[in-house]
Amino acid sequence: MYGFGICFGVGFLISFLSTFLILSGQLTSFAILYSLGNIISLFATGFLIGFMSQFKKMFDQSRLVATCVFLGILVLTLISAFLIKIIILTLVLCVVQYFALLWYSISYIPFARDMVKSCLGGIVGR
């Protein structure tokens, strides 16, 4: 449990601190650190269920889309920062990357996705 907490906290801290780089105009450094922080946070669940088990479960049918979206957006974020160099696009991709990681992460909590869908349905439906 300590490994999960430390790893998740370090990942979050790295992602958070990377925002100061974007404020100073260092787009590529920001994208690298933000993505690295999210990857470290992703590995945190390995401390809970085992790293090999996590790797296998990442590609289960219930998580396949979330895993592919997260990894795809992570790559697009880095491409945007390194090659395209459009700040707003990179920021949008970072936000999508965060939500993709969140969606993937809650898949390990029983019924969490259903609860989120229900809450969002209630908000959007009003």
N, C-alpha and C. Protein backbone atom coordinates (compact mmCIF):
# COMPACT_ATOMS: atom_id res chain seq x y z
N MET A 1 0.82 -1.19 0.00
CA MET A 1 0.00 0.00 0.00
C MET A 1 0.87 1.26 0.00
N TYR A 2 2.00 1.20 0.70
CA TYR A 2 2.89 2.36 0.71
C TYR A 2 3.44 2.64 -0.67
N GLY A 3 3.79 1.57 -1.38
CA GLY A 3 4.32 1.72 -2.74
C GLY A 3 3.33 2.42 -3.64
N PHE A 4 2.05 2.03 -3.53
CA PHE A 4 1.00 2.67 -4.33
C PHE A 4 0.92 4.16 -4.00
N GLY A 5 0.84 4.47 -2.71
CA GLY A 5 0.69 5.86 -2.29
C GLY A 5 1.86 6.73 -2.70
N ILE A 6 3.05 6.22 -2.51
CA ILE A 6 4.25 6.99 -2.86
C ILE A 6 4.34 7.18 -4.36
N CYS A 7 4.14 6.11 -5.11
CA CYS A 7 4.25 6.16 -6.57
C CYS A 7 3.18 7.09 -7.15
N PHE A 8 1.95 6.96 -6.68
CA PHE A 8 0.88 7.80 -7.17
C PHE A 8 1.14 9.27 -6.82
N GLY A 9 1.58 9.50 -5.57
CA GLY A 9 1.88 10.86 -5.14
C GLY A 9 3.00 11.50 -5.92
N VAL A 10 4.07 10.75 -6.17
CA VAL A 10 5.20 11.27 -6.95
C VAL A 10 4.76 11.57 -8.37
N GLY A 11 3.97 10.67 -8.96
CA GLY A 11 3.48 10.90 -10.31
C GLY A 11 2.62 12.14 -10.40
N PHE A 12 1.72 12.29 -9.43
CA PHE A 12 0.87 13.48 -9.40
C PHE A 12 1.69 14.74 -9.22
N LEU A 13 2.68 14.69 -8.33
CA LEU A 13 3.54 15.85 -8.06
C LEU A 13 4.33 16.25 -9.31
N ILE A 14 4.86 15.28 -10.02
CA ILE A 14 5.61 15.58 -11.24
C ILE A 14 4.69 16.22 -12.27
N SER A 15 3.50 15.66 -12.44
CA SER A 15 2.55 16.25 -13.40
C SER A 15 2.17 17.67 -12.99
N PHE A 16 1.91 17.86 -11.70
CA PHE A 16 1.54 19.19 -11.22
C PHE A 16 2.67 20.20 -11.41
N LEU A 17 3.88 19.81 -11.03
CA LEU A 17 5.02 20.73 -11.15
C LEU A 17 5.36 21.06 -12.59
N SER A 18 4.99 20.17 -13.51
CA SER A 18 5.27 20.43 -14.92
C SER A 18 4.49 21.64 -15.43
N THR A 19 3.39 21.99 -14.76
CA THR A 19 2.62 23.15 -15.21
C THR A 19 3.43 24.45 -15.12
N PHE A 20 4.40 24.48 -14.23
CA PHE A 20 5.24 25.69 -14.14
C PHE A 20 6.12 25.83 -15.38
N LEU A 21 6.44 24.71 -16.01
CA LEU A 21 7.23 24.76 -17.25
C LEU A 21 6.44 25.35 -18.40
N ILE A 22 5.15 25.05 -18.46
CA ILE A 22 4.33 25.60 -19.54
C ILE A 22 4.19 27.11 -19.37
N LEU A 23 4.16 27.56 -18.12
CA LEU A 23 4.07 28.99 -17.87
C LEU A 23 5.33 29.73 -18.30
N SER A 24 6.45 29.03 -18.30
CA SER A 24 7.69 29.66 -18.74
C SER A 24 7.99 29.38 -20.22
N GLY A 25 7.02 28.77 -20.91
CA GLY A 25 7.16 28.57 -22.35
C GLY A 25 7.94 27.33 -22.77
N GLN A 26 8.20 26.42 -21.85
CA GLN A 26 8.96 25.21 -22.16
C GLN A 26 7.99 24.07 -22.47
N LEU A 27 7.43 24.10 -23.67
CA LEU A 27 6.37 23.18 -24.05
C LEU A 27 6.82 21.72 -24.06
N THR A 28 7.97 21.43 -24.63
CA THR A 28 8.41 20.03 -24.72
C THR A 28 8.74 19.47 -23.34
N SER A 29 9.40 20.26 -22.50
CA SER A 29 9.71 19.80 -21.15
C SER A 29 8.43 19.56 -20.36
N PHE A 30 7.46 20.45 -20.53
CA PHE A 30 6.16 20.28 -19.89
C PHE A 30 5.52 18.96 -20.30
N ALA A 31 5.45 18.70 -21.60
CA ALA A 31 4.79 17.50 -22.11
C ALA A 31 5.48 16.23 -21.61
N ILE A 32 6.80 16.26 -21.59
CA ILE A 32 7.56 15.10 -21.12
C ILE A 32 7.27 14.83 -19.65
N LEU A 33 7.39 15.86 -18.81
CA LEU A 33 7.18 15.66 -17.38
C LEU A 33 5.73 15.34 -17.04
N TYR A 34 4.80 15.99 -17.73
CA TYR A 34 3.38 15.71 -17.48
C TYR A 34 3.07 14.26 -17.81
N SER A 35 3.53 13.81 -18.97
CA SER A 35 3.29 12.42 -19.39
C SER A 35 4.01 11.44 -18.48
N LEU A 36 5.24 11.76 -18.10
CA LEU A 36 6.00 10.90 -17.19
C LEU A 36 5.28 10.77 -15.85
N GLY A 37 4.75 11.87 -15.35
CA GLY A 37 4.00 11.84 -14.10
C GLY A 37 2.78 10.94 -14.20
N ASN A 38 2.09 10.99 -15.33
CA ASN A 38 0.93 10.13 -15.52
C ASN A 38 1.33 8.66 -15.63
N ILE A 39 2.44 8.39 -16.27
CA ILE A 39 2.93 7.01 -16.39
C ILE A 39 3.30 6.47 -15.01
N ILE A 40 3.97 7.28 -14.21
CA ILE A 40 4.33 6.85 -12.85
C ILE A 40 3.07 6.59 -12.03
N SER A 41 2.08 7.45 -12.18
CA SER A 41 0.81 7.22 -11.48
C SER A 41 0.14 5.94 -11.95
N LEU A 42 0.25 5.65 -13.23
CA LEU A 42 -0.31 4.41 -13.78
C LEU A 42 0.37 3.19 -13.17
N PHE A 43 1.68 3.25 -13.02
CA PHE A 43 2.41 2.13 -12.43
C PHE A 43 2.07 1.93 -10.96
N ALA A 44 1.51 2.94 -10.31
CA ALA A 44 1.17 2.82 -8.90
C ALA A 44 0.23 1.65 -8.63
N THR A 45 -0.70 1.40 -9.54
CA THR A 45 -1.64 0.30 -9.33
C THR A 45 -0.93 -1.05 -9.35
N GLY A 46 0.25 -1.11 -9.94
CA GLY A 46 1.03 -2.34 -9.93
C GLY A 46 1.39 -2.78 -8.52
N PHE A 47 1.50 -1.82 -7.61
CA PHE A 47 1.80 -2.16 -6.22
C PHE A 47 0.59 -2.80 -5.53
N LEU A 48 -0.59 -2.54 -6.06
CA LEU A 48 -1.80 -3.11 -5.46
C LEU A 48 -2.12 -4.51 -5.98
N ILE A 49 -1.95 -4.70 -7.28
CA ILE A 49 -2.37 -5.98 -7.87
C ILE A 49 -1.22 -6.78 -8.46
N GLY A 50 -0.01 -6.23 -8.41
CA GLY A 50 1.15 -6.89 -9.02
C GLY A 50 1.37 -6.36 -10.43
N PHE A 51 2.61 -6.16 -10.78
CA PHE A 51 2.93 -5.52 -12.06
C PHE A 51 2.59 -6.40 -13.27
N MET A 52 2.86 -7.69 -13.17
CA MET A 52 2.54 -8.58 -14.28
C MET A 52 1.03 -8.69 -14.45
N SER A 53 0.33 -8.78 -13.32
CA SER A 53 -1.13 -8.85 -13.36
C SER A 53 -1.71 -7.57 -13.97
N GLN A 54 -1.16 -6.44 -13.60
CA GLN A 54 -1.64 -5.18 -14.15
C GLN A 54 -1.42 -5.14 -15.66
N PHE A 55 -0.26 -5.54 -16.10
CA PHE A 55 0.03 -5.50 -17.53
C PHE A 55 -0.96 -6.37 -18.30
N LYS A 56 -1.26 -7.54 -17.77
CA LYS A 56 -2.23 -8.42 -18.43
C LYS A 56 -3.62 -7.82 -18.41
N LYS A 57 -4.00 -7.24 -17.27
CA LYS A 57 -5.35 -6.67 -17.12
C LYS A 57 -5.54 -5.39 -17.93
N MET A 58 -4.44 -4.73 -18.28
CA MET A 58 -4.55 -3.52 -19.09
C MET A 58 -5.22 -3.81 -20.43
N PHE A 59 -5.04 -5.02 -20.91
CA PHE A 59 -5.55 -5.36 -22.23
C PHE A 59 -6.75 -6.30 -22.17
N ASP A 60 -7.37 -6.42 -20.97
CA ASP A 60 -8.64 -7.12 -20.85
C ASP A 60 -9.69 -6.36 -21.64
N GLN A 61 -10.74 -7.05 -22.01
CA GLN A 61 -11.80 -6.43 -22.79
C GLN A 61 -12.39 -5.20 -22.09
N SER A 62 -12.52 -5.27 -20.77
CA SER A 62 -13.13 -4.16 -20.03
C SER A 62 -12.23 -2.93 -19.96
N ARG A 63 -10.93 -3.09 -20.20
CA ARG A 63 -10.00 -1.97 -20.09
C ARG A 63 -9.30 -1.64 -21.41
N LEU A 64 -9.53 -2.42 -22.42
CA LEU A 64 -8.79 -2.27 -23.67
C LEU A 64 -8.94 -0.87 -24.27
N VAL A 65 -10.16 -0.38 -24.34
CA VAL A 65 -10.39 0.94 -24.94
C VAL A 65 -9.71 2.02 -24.09
N ALA A 66 -9.89 1.96 -22.78
CA ALA A 66 -9.28 2.96 -21.90
C ALA A 66 -7.76 2.94 -22.00
N THR A 67 -7.18 1.74 -22.07
CA THR A 67 -5.72 1.61 -22.20
C THR A 67 -5.24 2.19 -23.52
N CYS A 68 -5.91 1.84 -24.60
CA CYS A 68 -5.49 2.32 -25.93
C CYS A 68 -5.66 3.83 -26.05
N VAL A 69 -6.76 4.35 -25.50
CA VAL A 69 -6.97 5.80 -25.55
C VAL A 69 -5.88 6.50 -24.76
N PHE A 70 -5.61 6.01 -23.55
CA PHE A 70 -4.58 6.66 -22.72
C PHE A 70 -3.22 6.64 -23.42
N LEU A 71 -2.80 5.48 -23.90
CA LEU A 71 -1.49 5.37 -24.55
C LEU A 71 -1.45 6.18 -25.85
N GLY A 72 -2.55 6.15 -26.60
CA GLY A 72 -2.60 6.92 -27.84
C GLY A 72 -2.53 8.42 -27.60
N ILE A 73 -3.28 8.90 -26.61
CA ILE A 73 -3.26 10.33 -26.29
C ILE A 73 -1.91 10.73 -25.73
N LEU A 74 -1.29 9.86 -24.97
CA LEU A 74 0.05 10.14 -24.45
C LEU A 74 1.03 10.36 -25.61
N VAL A 75 0.98 9.49 -26.60
CA VAL A 75 1.86 9.64 -27.78
C VAL A 75 1.51 10.92 -28.54
N LEU A 76 0.21 11.18 -28.72
CA LEU A 76 -0.20 12.40 -29.43
C LEU A 76 0.23 13.67 -28.68
N THR A 77 0.20 13.61 -27.36
CA THR A 77 0.65 14.76 -26.56
C THR A 77 2.11 15.06 -26.85
N LEU A 78 2.93 14.02 -26.86
CA LEU A 78 4.36 14.22 -27.13
C LEU A 78 4.61 14.66 -28.57
N ILE A 79 3.86 14.11 -29.51
CA ILE A 79 3.99 14.53 -30.91
C ILE A 79 3.60 16.00 -31.05
N SER A 80 2.52 16.37 -30.38
CA SER A 80 2.07 17.76 -30.43
C SER A 80 3.13 18.71 -29.87
N ALA A 81 3.76 18.32 -28.78
CA ALA A 81 4.76 19.19 -28.15
C ALA A 81 6.06 19.24 -28.94
N PHE A 82 6.49 18.10 -29.47
CA PHE A 82 7.78 18.03 -30.15
C PHE A 82 7.73 18.48 -31.61
N LEU A 83 6.69 18.07 -32.33
CA LEU A 83 6.66 18.30 -33.77
C LEU A 83 5.72 19.43 -34.18
N ILE A 84 4.51 19.41 -33.66
CA ILE A 84 3.52 20.41 -34.08
C ILE A 84 3.73 21.74 -33.37
N LYS A 85 4.06 21.65 -32.08
CA LYS A 85 4.38 22.81 -31.23
C LYS A 85 3.26 23.84 -31.14
N ILE A 86 2.04 23.32 -30.98
CA ILE A 86 0.88 24.20 -30.75
C ILE A 86 0.49 24.04 -29.28
N ILE A 87 0.67 25.10 -28.52
CA ILE A 87 0.47 25.04 -27.07
C ILE A 87 -0.94 24.61 -26.71
N ILE A 88 -1.95 25.21 -27.32
CA ILE A 88 -3.33 24.90 -26.95
C ILE A 88 -3.68 23.44 -27.26
N LEU A 89 -3.19 22.92 -28.37
CA LEU A 89 -3.42 21.52 -28.72
C LEU A 89 -2.78 20.59 -27.68
N THR A 90 -1.56 20.92 -27.30
CA THR A 90 -0.86 20.12 -26.29
C THR A 90 -1.60 20.15 -24.96
N LEU A 91 -2.11 21.30 -24.57
CA LEU A 91 -2.86 21.42 -23.32
C LEU A 91 -4.16 20.61 -23.37
N VAL A 92 -4.86 20.69 -24.49
CA VAL A 92 -6.09 19.91 -24.65
C VAL A 92 -5.78 18.42 -24.55
N LEU A 93 -4.71 17.98 -25.21
CA LEU A 93 -4.33 16.58 -25.15
C LEU A 93 -3.94 16.15 -23.74
N CYS A 94 -3.33 17.05 -22.99
CA CYS A 94 -2.98 16.74 -21.59
C CYS A 94 -4.23 16.55 -20.74
N VAL A 95 -5.24 17.37 -20.98
CA VAL A 95 -6.50 17.22 -20.25
C VAL A 95 -7.15 15.88 -20.61
N VAL A 96 -7.18 15.56 -21.89
CA VAL A 96 -7.74 14.28 -22.32
C VAL A 96 -6.93 13.12 -21.74
N GLN A 97 -5.61 13.28 -21.71
CA GLN A 97 -4.72 12.26 -21.14
C GLN A 97 -5.07 12.02 -19.66
N TYR A 98 -5.30 13.09 -18.94
CA TYR A 98 -5.65 12.98 -17.52
C TYR A 98 -6.95 12.20 -17.35
N PHE A 99 -7.97 12.57 -18.13
CA PHE A 99 -9.26 11.88 -18.00
C PHE A 99 -9.18 10.43 -18.47
N ALA A 100 -8.35 10.16 -19.47
CA ALA A 100 -8.16 8.77 -19.92
C ALA A 100 -7.50 7.94 -18.81
N LEU A 101 -6.52 8.52 -18.13
CA LEU A 101 -5.88 7.82 -17.00
C LEU A 101 -6.87 7.62 -15.86
N LEU A 102 -7.68 8.62 -15.60
CA LEU A 102 -8.69 8.53 -14.55
C LEU A 102 -9.69 7.42 -14.87
N TRP A 103 -10.17 7.39 -16.12
CA TRP A 103 -11.13 6.37 -16.54
C TRP A 103 -10.52 4.97 -16.43
N TYR A 104 -9.27 4.85 -16.84
CA TYR A 104 -8.57 3.57 -16.72
C TYR A 104 -8.45 3.19 -15.24
N SER A 105 -8.04 4.12 -14.42
CA SER A 105 -7.79 3.84 -13.01
C SER A 105 -9.05 3.40 -12.27
N ILE A 106 -10.17 4.05 -12.56
CA ILE A 106 -11.39 3.69 -11.83
C ILE A 106 -11.94 2.34 -12.28
N SER A 107 -11.40 1.80 -13.36
CA SER A 107 -11.85 0.47 -13.80
C SER A 107 -11.45 -0.61 -12.79
N TYR A 108 -10.52 -0.30 -11.90
CA TYR A 108 -10.10 -1.25 -10.89
C TYR A 108 -10.98 -1.20 -9.64
N ILE A 109 -11.86 -0.24 -9.57
CA ILE A 109 -12.77 -0.11 -8.43
C ILE A 109 -14.13 -0.65 -8.87
N PRO A 110 -14.62 -1.68 -8.21
CA PRO A 110 -15.89 -2.27 -8.63
C PRO A 110 -17.02 -1.24 -8.71
N PHE A 111 -17.70 -1.23 -9.83
CA PHE A 111 -18.86 -0.38 -10.10
C PHE A 111 -18.54 1.11 -10.16
N ALA A 112 -17.28 1.50 -10.14
CA ALA A 112 -16.93 2.92 -10.16
C ALA A 112 -17.30 3.56 -11.48
N ARG A 113 -17.06 2.87 -12.58
CA ARG A 113 -17.43 3.43 -13.88
C ARG A 113 -18.94 3.63 -13.98
N ASP A 114 -19.70 2.66 -13.49
CA ASP A 114 -21.16 2.79 -13.51
C ASP A 114 -21.61 3.99 -12.69
N MET A 115 -20.97 4.20 -11.54
CA MET A 115 -21.31 5.33 -10.69
C MET A 115 -21.00 6.66 -11.39
N VAL A 116 -19.84 6.73 -12.03
CA VAL A 116 -19.46 7.96 -12.73
C VAL A 116 -20.43 8.23 -13.88
N LYS A 117 -20.75 7.19 -14.63
CA LYS A 117 -21.71 7.34 -15.73
C LYS A 117 -23.06 7.83 -15.20
N SER A 118 -23.47 7.27 -14.08
CA SER A 118 -24.75 7.67 -13.48
C SER A 118 -24.72 9.13 -13.03
N CYS A 119 -23.64 9.52 -12.40
CA CYS A 119 -23.51 10.91 -11.94
C CYS A 119 -23.47 11.88 -13.12
N LEU A 120 -22.69 11.54 -14.12
CA LEU A 120 -22.60 12.42 -15.30
C LEU A 120 -23.91 12.45 -16.06
N GLY A 121 -24.61 11.31 -16.09
CA GLY A 121 -25.92 11.27 -16.73
C GLY A 121 -26.91 12.15 -16.01
N GLY A 122 -26.83 12.17 -14.69
CA GLY A 122 -27.71 13.03 -13.90
C GLY A 122 -27.42 14.50 -14.10
N ILE A 123 -26.14 14.83 -14.26
CA ILE A 123 -25.75 16.23 -14.47
C ILE A 123 -26.14 16.69 -15.87
N VAL A 124 -25.84 15.87 -16.87
CA VAL A 124 -26.11 16.22 -18.26
C VAL A 124 -27.61 16.17 -18.55
N GLY A 125 -28.31 15.25 -17.89
CA GLY A 125 -29.73 15.08 -18.13
C GLY A 125 -30.61 16.18 -17.57
N ARG A 126 -30.05 17.00 -16.71
CA ARG A 126 -30.85 18.07 -16.09
C ARG A 126 -30.95 19.28 -16.93
